[in-house]
């Protein structure tokens, strides 16, 4: 059974940066797509960024150019580097792993929560103005 553990959340002022990390235990990391989602108070959980097995990366429009997702299959880790943070980025951020998937995946697949079978516990990111 794969487990995902996020780290790196915290509080930062607007314009600042944070880096989130997600480490997977168990097998299957390199055979799956990985994604980051977030949920702000009173709002639905939404897609932030995803990376396919082949390494292509996809972003929601509201983070494009500010956030960078990366994966290290040797370390079973996916990271989310967040720059130029805004108060609207305040949310609990979740790491997620898809079911075993093809080498290539498109945006629609990685952006859909139904594609994911394993979720982390979440880490709080708070951006103050």
C-alpha atoms as a PDB file:
ATOM      1  CA  UNK A   1       0.000   0.000   0.000  1.00  0.00           C
ATOM      2  CA  UNK A   2       1.505   3.299  -1.108  1.00  0.00           C
ATOM      3  CA  UNK A   3       1.449   6.201   1.316  1.00  0.00           C
ATOM      4  CA  UNK A   4       2.167   9.835   0.520  1.00  0.00           C
ATOM      5  CA  UNK A   5       3.592  12.278   3.034  1.00  0.00           C
ATOM      6  CA  UNK A   6       3.744  16.000   2.301  1.00  0.00           C
ATOM      7  CA  UNK A   7       6.060  18.490   3.931  1.00  0.00           C
ATOM      8  CA  UNK A   8       7.128  22.086   3.528  1.00  0.00           C
ATOM      9  CA  UNK A   9       3.962  24.028   4.147  1.00  0.00           C
ATOM     10  CA  UNK A  10       3.908  27.135   6.302  1.00  0.00           C
ATOM     11  CA  UNK A  11       3.223  30.828   6.418  1.00  0.00           C
ATOM     12  CA  UNK A  12       4.782  33.353   4.066  1.00  0.00           C
ATOM     13  CA  UNK A  13       4.171  36.938   3.024  1.00  0.00           C
ATOM     14  CA  UNK A  14       2.790  37.788  -0.392  1.00  0.00           C
ATOM     15  CA  UNK A  15       5.519  37.670  -3.006  1.00  0.00           C
ATOM     16  CA  UNK A  16       7.452  35.045  -1.103  1.00  0.00           C
ATOM     17  CA  UNK A  17       8.261  31.426  -1.930  1.00  0.00           C
ATOM     18  CA  UNK A  18       7.676  27.992  -0.466  1.00  0.00           C
ATOM     19  CA  UNK A  19       8.654  24.528  -1.589  1.00  0.00           C
ATOM     20  CA  UNK A  20       6.442  21.519  -0.925  1.00  0.00           C
ATOM     21  CA  UNK A  21       7.687  17.967  -1.046  1.00  0.00           C
ATOM     22  CA  UNK A  22       5.794  14.695  -1.240  1.00  0.00           C
ATOM     23  CA  UNK A  23       7.503  11.386  -0.593  1.00  0.00           C
ATOM     24  CA  UNK A  24       5.915   8.079  -1.477  1.00  0.00           C
ATOM     25  CA  UNK A  25       6.483   4.855   0.365  1.00  0.00           C
ATOM     26  CA  UNK A  26       5.882   1.516  -1.275  1.00  0.00           C
ATOM     27  CA  UNK A  27       6.052   0.534  -4.916  1.00  0.00           C
ATOM     28  CA  UNK A  28       4.651   1.995  -8.106  1.00  0.00           C
ATOM     29  CA  UNK A  29       5.761   5.617  -7.929  1.00  0.00           C
ATOM     30  CA  UNK A  30       7.553   5.592 -11.266  1.00  0.00           C
ATOM     31  CA  UNK A  31       4.577   3.914 -12.983  1.00  0.00           C
ATOM     32  CA  UNK A  32       2.105   6.639 -12.050  1.00  0.00           C
ATOM     33  CA  UNK A  33       1.345  10.252 -12.690  1.00  0.00           C
ATOM     34  CA  UNK A  34       1.670  12.637  -9.755  1.00  0.00           C
ATOM     35  CA  UNK A  35      -0.299  15.735  -8.979  1.00  0.00           C
ATOM     36  CA  UNK A  36      -0.779  18.564  -6.544  1.00  0.00           C
ATOM     37  CA  UNK A  37      -4.222  19.824  -5.618  1.00  0.00           C
ATOM     38  CA  UNK A  38      -5.371  22.443  -3.145  1.00  0.00           C
ATOM     39  CA  UNK A  39      -8.463  23.266  -1.161  1.00  0.00           C
ATOM     40  CA  UNK A  40      -9.186  26.669   0.280  1.00  0.00           C
ATOM     41  CA  UNK A  41     -11.739  27.144   3.086  1.00  0.00           C
ATOM     42  CA  UNK A  42     -15.251  26.889   1.748  1.00  0.00           C
ATOM     43  CA  UNK A  43     -14.100  25.934  -1.726  1.00  0.00           C
ATOM     44  CA  UNK A  44     -13.821  22.707  -3.676  1.00  0.00           C
ATOM     45  CA  UNK A  45     -10.499  20.990  -4.103  1.00  0.00           C
ATOM     46  CA  UNK A  46      -8.837  22.064  -7.349  1.00  0.00           C
ATOM     47  CA  UNK A  47      -5.984  20.930  -9.566  1.00  0.00           C
ATOM     48  CA  UNK A  48      -2.728  22.858  -9.270  1.00  0.00           C
ATOM     49  CA  UNK A  49      -0.092  20.913 -11.206  1.00  0.00           C
ATOM     50  CA  UNK A  50       0.672  17.434 -12.483  1.00  0.00           C
ATOM     51  CA  UNK A  51       3.549  15.500 -14.011  1.00  0.00           C
ATOM     52  CA  UNK A  52       3.249  12.403 -16.174  1.00  0.00           C
ATOM     53  CA  UNK A  53       5.583   9.411 -16.152  1.00  0.00           C
ATOM     54  CA  UNK A  54       7.432  10.767 -19.183  1.00  0.00           C
ATOM     55  CA  UNK A  55       8.052  14.020 -17.342  1.00  0.00           C
ATOM     56  CA  UNK A  56       5.742  16.457 -19.118  1.00  0.00           C
ATOM     57  CA  UNK A  57       4.246  18.948 -16.723  1.00  0.00           C
ATOM     58  CA  UNK A  58       0.850  20.593 -16.637  1.00  0.00           C
ATOM     59  CA  UNK A  59      -0.387  23.588 -14.664  1.00  0.00           C
ATOM     60  CA  UNK A  60      -3.601  25.355 -13.922  1.00  0.00           C
ATOM     61  CA  UNK A  61      -3.749  28.822 -15.386  1.00  0.00           C
ATOM     62  CA  UNK A  62      -3.737  30.478 -11.988  1.00  0.00           C
ATOM     63  CA  UNK A  63      -0.272  29.097 -11.129  1.00  0.00           C
ATOM     64  CA  UNK A  64       1.363  28.956 -14.538  1.00  0.00           C
ATOM     65  CA  UNK A  65       4.644  30.849 -14.509  1.00  0.00           C
ATOM     66  CA  UNK A  66       4.787  30.923 -10.714  1.00  0.00           C
ATOM     67  CA  UNK A  67       4.783  27.246  -9.649  1.00  0.00           C
ATOM     68  CA  UNK A  68       7.014  24.415 -10.842  1.00  0.00           C
ATOM     69  CA  UNK A  69       6.364  20.725 -10.329  1.00  0.00           C
ATOM     70  CA  UNK A  70       9.133  18.164 -10.558  1.00  0.00           C
ATOM     71  CA  UNK A  71       9.582  14.490  -9.829  1.00  0.00           C
ATOM     72  CA  UNK A  72      12.544  12.339  -8.834  1.00  0.00           C
ATOM     73  CA  UNK A  73      11.761   8.672  -9.423  1.00  0.00           C
ATOM     74  CA  UNK A  74      14.978   7.572  -7.731  1.00  0.00           C
ATOM     75  CA  UNK A  75      13.808   9.230  -4.508  1.00  0.00           C
ATOM     76  CA  UNK A  76      10.059   8.600  -4.928  1.00  0.00           C
ATOM     77  CA  UNK A  77       9.530  12.327  -4.487  1.00  0.00           C
ATOM     78  CA  UNK A  78       7.522  15.031  -6.194  1.00  0.00           C
ATOM     79  CA  UNK A  79       8.033  18.672  -5.324  1.00  0.00           C
ATOM     80  CA  UNK A  80       6.124  21.882  -5.914  1.00  0.00           C
ATOM     81  CA  UNK A  81       8.175  25.060  -5.959  1.00  0.00           C
ATOM     82  CA  UNK A  82       5.877  28.026  -5.391  1.00  0.00           C
ATOM     83  CA  UNK A  83       7.103  31.528  -6.169  1.00  0.00           C
ATOM     84  CA  UNK A  84       5.404  34.928  -6.199  1.00  0.00           C
ATOM     85  CA  UNK A  85       2.810  33.664  -3.784  1.00  0.00           C
ATOM     86  CA  UNK A  86      -0.473  35.506  -3.402  1.00  0.00           C
ATOM     87  CA  UNK A  87      -3.034  35.518  -0.584  1.00  0.00           C
ATOM     88  CA  UNK A  88      -5.365  33.612  -2.944  1.00  0.00           C
ATOM     89  CA  UNK A  89      -2.870  30.725  -2.857  1.00  0.00           C
ATOM     90  CA  UNK A  90      -3.767  30.111   0.785  1.00  0.00           C
ATOM     91  CA  UNK A  91      -5.076  26.545   1.032  1.00  0.00           C
ATOM     92  CA  UNK A  92      -4.339  23.031   2.141  1.00  0.00           C
ATOM     93  CA  UNK A  93      -2.173  21.440  -0.532  1.00  0.00           C
ATOM     94  CA  UNK A  94      -2.500  17.740  -1.303  1.00  0.00           C
ATOM     95  CA  UNK A  95      -0.158  15.438  -3.146  1.00  0.00           C
ATOM     96  CA  UNK A  96      -1.744  12.593  -5.101  1.00  0.00           C
ATOM     97  CA  UNK A  97      -0.710   9.552  -7.118  1.00  0.00           C
ATOM     98  CA  UNK A  98      -2.656   8.173 -10.065  1.00  0.00           C
ATOM     99  CA  UNK A  99      -3.375   4.550 -10.775  1.00  0.00           C
ATOM    100  CA  UNK A 100      -0.766   2.834 -12.896  1.00  0.00           C
ATOM    101  CA  UNK A 101      -0.889   4.786 -16.113  1.00  0.00           C
ATOM    102  CA  UNK A 102       0.530   4.989 -19.612  1.00  0.00           C
ATOM    103  CA  UNK A 103       3.905   6.618 -20.117  1.00  0.00           C
ATOM    104  CA  UNK A 104       2.237   9.699 -21.530  1.00  0.00           C
ATOM    105  CA  UNK A 105      -0.740  11.459 -19.962  1.00  0.00           C
ATOM    106  CA  UNK A 106      -2.592  14.572 -20.977  1.00  0.00           C
ATOM    107  CA  UNK A 107      -3.813  17.548 -18.990  1.00  0.00           C
ATOM    108  CA  UNK A 108      -7.385  16.312 -18.680  1.00  0.00           C
ATOM    109  CA  UNK A 109      -6.244  13.046 -17.142  1.00  0.00           C
ATOM    110  CA  UNK A 110      -3.896  14.622 -14.593  1.00  0.00           C
ATOM    111  CA  UNK A 111      -6.344  17.395 -13.714  1.00  0.00           C
ATOM    112  CA  UNK A 112      -9.153  14.971 -12.888  1.00  0.00           C
ATOM    113  CA  UNK A 113      -9.368  13.892  -9.249  1.00  0.00           C
ATOM    114  CA  UNK A 114     -10.901  10.598 -10.396  1.00  0.00           C
ATOM    115  CA  UNK A 115      -7.541   9.635 -11.928  1.00  0.00           C
ATOM    116  CA  UNK A 116      -5.905   9.464  -8.510  1.00  0.00           C
ATOM    117  CA  UNK A 117      -5.999   6.520  -6.142  1.00  0.00           C
ATOM    118  CA  UNK A 118      -3.751   7.719  -3.317  1.00  0.00           C
ATOM    119  CA  UNK A 119      -3.771  11.046  -1.502  1.00  0.00           C
ATOM    120  CA  UNK A 120      -1.541  12.609   1.115  1.00  0.00           C
ATOM    121  CA  UNK A 121      -2.810  14.114   4.327  1.00  0.00           C
ATOM    122  CA  UNK A 122      -2.320  17.686   3.139  1.00  0.00           C
ATOM    123  CA  UNK A 123      -0.105  20.547   4.220  1.00  0.00           C
ATOM    124  CA  UNK A 124      -1.262  24.069   5.034  1.00  0.00           C
ATOM    125  CA  UNK A 125       0.045  27.026   3.043  1.00  0.00           C
ATOM    126  CA  UNK A 126      -0.869  30.478   4.300  1.00  0.00           C
ATOM    127  CA  UNK A 127       0.039  33.625   2.384  1.00  0.00           C
ATOM    128  CA  UNK A 128      -0.456  36.909   4.201  1.00  0.00           C
ATOM    129  CA  UNK A 129      -0.866  40.269   2.496  1.00  0.00           C
END
